Amino acid sequence: MVRTIFGMLIVFMALYAVSYCFFALTDADALRSEKYKLQKMAIEHGLLGDSITGLQKIEDMSETKVIEAVPIEGSRK
């Protein structure tokens, strides 16, 4: 009885490892979270935004502004 359960556990773990490796090599997006996939799709379709402002379609990327970091006095470089 214990051998049967242990054997089934080993088979299940091996099957899980093989399927994970298969998808990691063939379709890595299948292993990612739904949130990641939705954000990736939005970027691919030219949508910018966040959970506060919502998604907005950007027709011309020249309209976007680059925000540069300002160093704080006394901080390390």
C-alpha atoms as a PDB file:
ATOM      1  CA  MET A   1       0.000   0.000   0.000  1.00  0.00           C
ATOM      2  CA  VAL A   2       2.728   2.463   0.970  1.00  0.00           C
ATOM      3  CA  ARG A   3       4.812   1.442  -2.049  1.00  0.00           C
ATOM      4  CA  THR A   4       1.869   2.066  -4.351  1.00  0.00           C
ATOM      5  CA  ILE A   5       1.267   5.567  -2.984  1.00  0.00           C
ATOM      6  CA  PHE A   6       4.993   6.355  -3.083  1.00  0.00           C
ATOM      7  CA  GLY A   7       5.220   5.056  -6.648  1.00  0.00           C
ATOM      8  CA  MET A   8       2.254   7.161  -7.741  1.00  0.00           C
ATOM      9  CA  LEU A   9       3.844  10.218  -6.125  1.00  0.00           C
ATOM     10  CA  ILE A  10       7.108   9.635  -7.998  1.00  0.00           C
ATOM     11  CA  VAL A  11       5.256   9.186 -11.306  1.00  0.00           C
ATOM     12  CA  PHE A  12       3.244  12.367 -10.710  1.00  0.00           C
ATOM     13  CA  MET A  13       6.359  14.397  -9.872  1.00  0.00           C
ATOM     14  CA  ALA A  14       8.206  13.057 -12.922  1.00  0.00           C
ATOM     15  CA  LEU A  15       5.255  13.864 -15.188  1.00  0.00           C
ATOM     16  CA  TYR A  16       5.066  17.382 -13.747  1.00  0.00           C
ATOM     17  CA  ALA A  17       8.813  17.951 -14.270  1.00  0.00           C
ATOM     18  CA  VAL A  18       8.720  16.628 -17.848  1.00  0.00           C
ATOM     19  CA  SER A  19       5.713  18.768 -18.789  1.00  0.00           C
ATOM     20  CA  TYR A  20       7.281  21.871 -17.196  1.00  0.00           C
ATOM     21  CA  CYS A  21      10.521  21.343 -19.145  1.00  0.00           C
ATOM     22  CA  PHE A  22       8.580  20.705 -22.366  1.00  0.00           C
ATOM     23  CA  PHE A  23       6.655  23.979 -22.090  1.00  0.00           C
ATOM     24  CA  ALA A  24       9.768  25.878 -20.954  1.00  0.00           C
ATOM     25  CA  LEU A  25      11.508  24.854 -24.168  1.00  0.00           C
ATOM     26  CA  THR A  26       8.597  25.097 -26.617  1.00  0.00           C
ATOM     27  CA  ASP A  27       6.196  27.778 -25.296  1.00  0.00           C
ATOM     28  CA  ALA A  28       7.529  29.744 -22.338  1.00  0.00           C
ATOM     29  CA  ASP A  29       4.465  32.046 -22.371  1.00  0.00           C
ATOM     30  CA  ALA A  30       2.321  29.090 -21.296  1.00  0.00           C
ATOM     31  CA  LEU A  31       4.121  29.077 -17.947  1.00  0.00           C
ATOM     32  CA  ARG A  32       3.640  32.776 -17.232  1.00  0.00           C
ATOM     33  CA  SER A  33       0.839  34.335 -15.209  1.00  0.00           C
ATOM     34  CA  GLU A  34      -2.324  35.739 -16.741  1.00  0.00           C
ATOM     35  CA  LYS A  35      -1.429  39.232 -15.505  1.00  0.00           C
ATOM     36  CA  TYR A  36       1.889  39.068 -17.386  1.00  0.00           C
ATOM     37  CA  LYS A  37       0.159  37.892 -20.568  1.00  0.00           C
ATOM     38  CA  LEU A  38      -2.404  40.712 -20.424  1.00  0.00           C
ATOM     39  CA  GLN A  39       0.289  43.349 -19.905  1.00  0.00           C
ATOM     40  CA  LYS A  40       2.326  41.912 -22.773  1.00  0.00           C
ATOM     41  CA  MET A  41      -0.704  41.966 -25.095  1.00  0.00           C
ATOM     42  CA  ALA A  42      -1.451  45.586 -24.161  1.00  0.00           C
ATOM     43  CA  ILE A  43       2.121  46.636 -24.966  1.00  0.00           C
ATOM     44  CA  GLU A  44       2.061  44.744 -28.267  1.00  0.00           C
ATOM     45  CA  HIS A  45      -1.129  46.575 -29.268  1.00  0.00           C
ATOM     46  CA  GLY A  46       0.318  50.003 -28.418  1.00  0.00           C
ATOM     47  CA  LEU A  47      -1.575  50.593 -25.200  1.00  0.00           C
ATOM     48  CA  LEU A  48       0.028  52.418 -22.284  1.00  0.00           C
ATOM     49  CA  GLY A  49      -1.282  53.005 -18.783  1.00  0.00           C
ATOM     50  CA  ASP A  50      -1.734  51.478 -15.370  1.00  0.00           C
ATOM     51  CA  SER A  51      -4.436  50.440 -12.928  1.00  0.00           C
ATOM     52  CA  ILE A  52      -5.144  54.063 -11.941  1.00  0.00           C
ATOM     53  CA  THR A  53      -5.246  55.827 -15.318  1.00  0.00           C
ATOM     54  CA  GLY A  54      -6.420  52.883 -17.381  1.00  0.00           C
ATOM     55  CA  LEU A  55      -5.116  51.875 -20.775  1.00  0.00           C
ATOM     56  CA  GLN A  56      -4.787  54.529 -23.463  1.00  0.00           C
ATOM     57  CA  LYS A  57      -3.924  53.927 -27.101  1.00  0.00           C
ATOM     58  CA  ILE A  58      -0.852  55.830 -28.201  1.00  0.00           C
ATOM     59  CA  GLU A  59      -0.930  56.494 -31.936  1.00  0.00           C
ATOM     60  CA  ASP A  60       2.372  58.348 -32.145  1.00  0.00           C
ATOM     61  CA  MET A  61       5.171  57.391 -29.782  1.00  0.00           C
ATOM     62  CA  SER A  62       6.665  60.899 -30.152  1.00  0.00           C
ATOM     63  CA  GLU A  63       3.919  62.114 -27.793  1.00  0.00           C
ATOM     64  CA  THR A  64       5.384  60.152 -24.902  1.00  0.00           C
ATOM     65  CA  LYS A  65       7.664  61.893 -22.439  1.00  0.00           C
ATOM     66  CA  VAL A  66      10.783  60.440 -20.885  1.00  0.00           C
ATOM     67  CA  ILE A  67      11.039  60.982 -17.151  1.00  0.00           C
ATOM     68  CA  GLU A  68      14.618  61.163 -15.987  1.00  0.00           C
ATOM     69  CA  ALA A  69      15.725  60.302 -12.481  1.00  0.00           C
ATOM     70  CA  VAL A  70      17.044  63.188 -10.429  1.00  0.00           C
ATOM     71  CA  PRO A  71      19.872  62.247  -8.063  1.00  0.00           C
ATOM     72  CA  ILE A  72      19.257  62.996  -4.397  1.00  0.00           C
ATOM     73  CA  GLU A  73      21.940  65.010  -2.627  1.00  0.00           C
ATOM     74  CA  GLY A  74      24.151  62.868  -0.454  1.00  0.00           C
ATOM     75  CA  SER A  75      23.223  59.634  -2.187  1.00  0.00           C
ATOM     76  CA  ARG A  76      25.763  57.227  -3.587  1.00  0.00           C
ATOM     77  CA  LYS A  77      26.435  56.917  -7.264  1.00  0.00           C
END
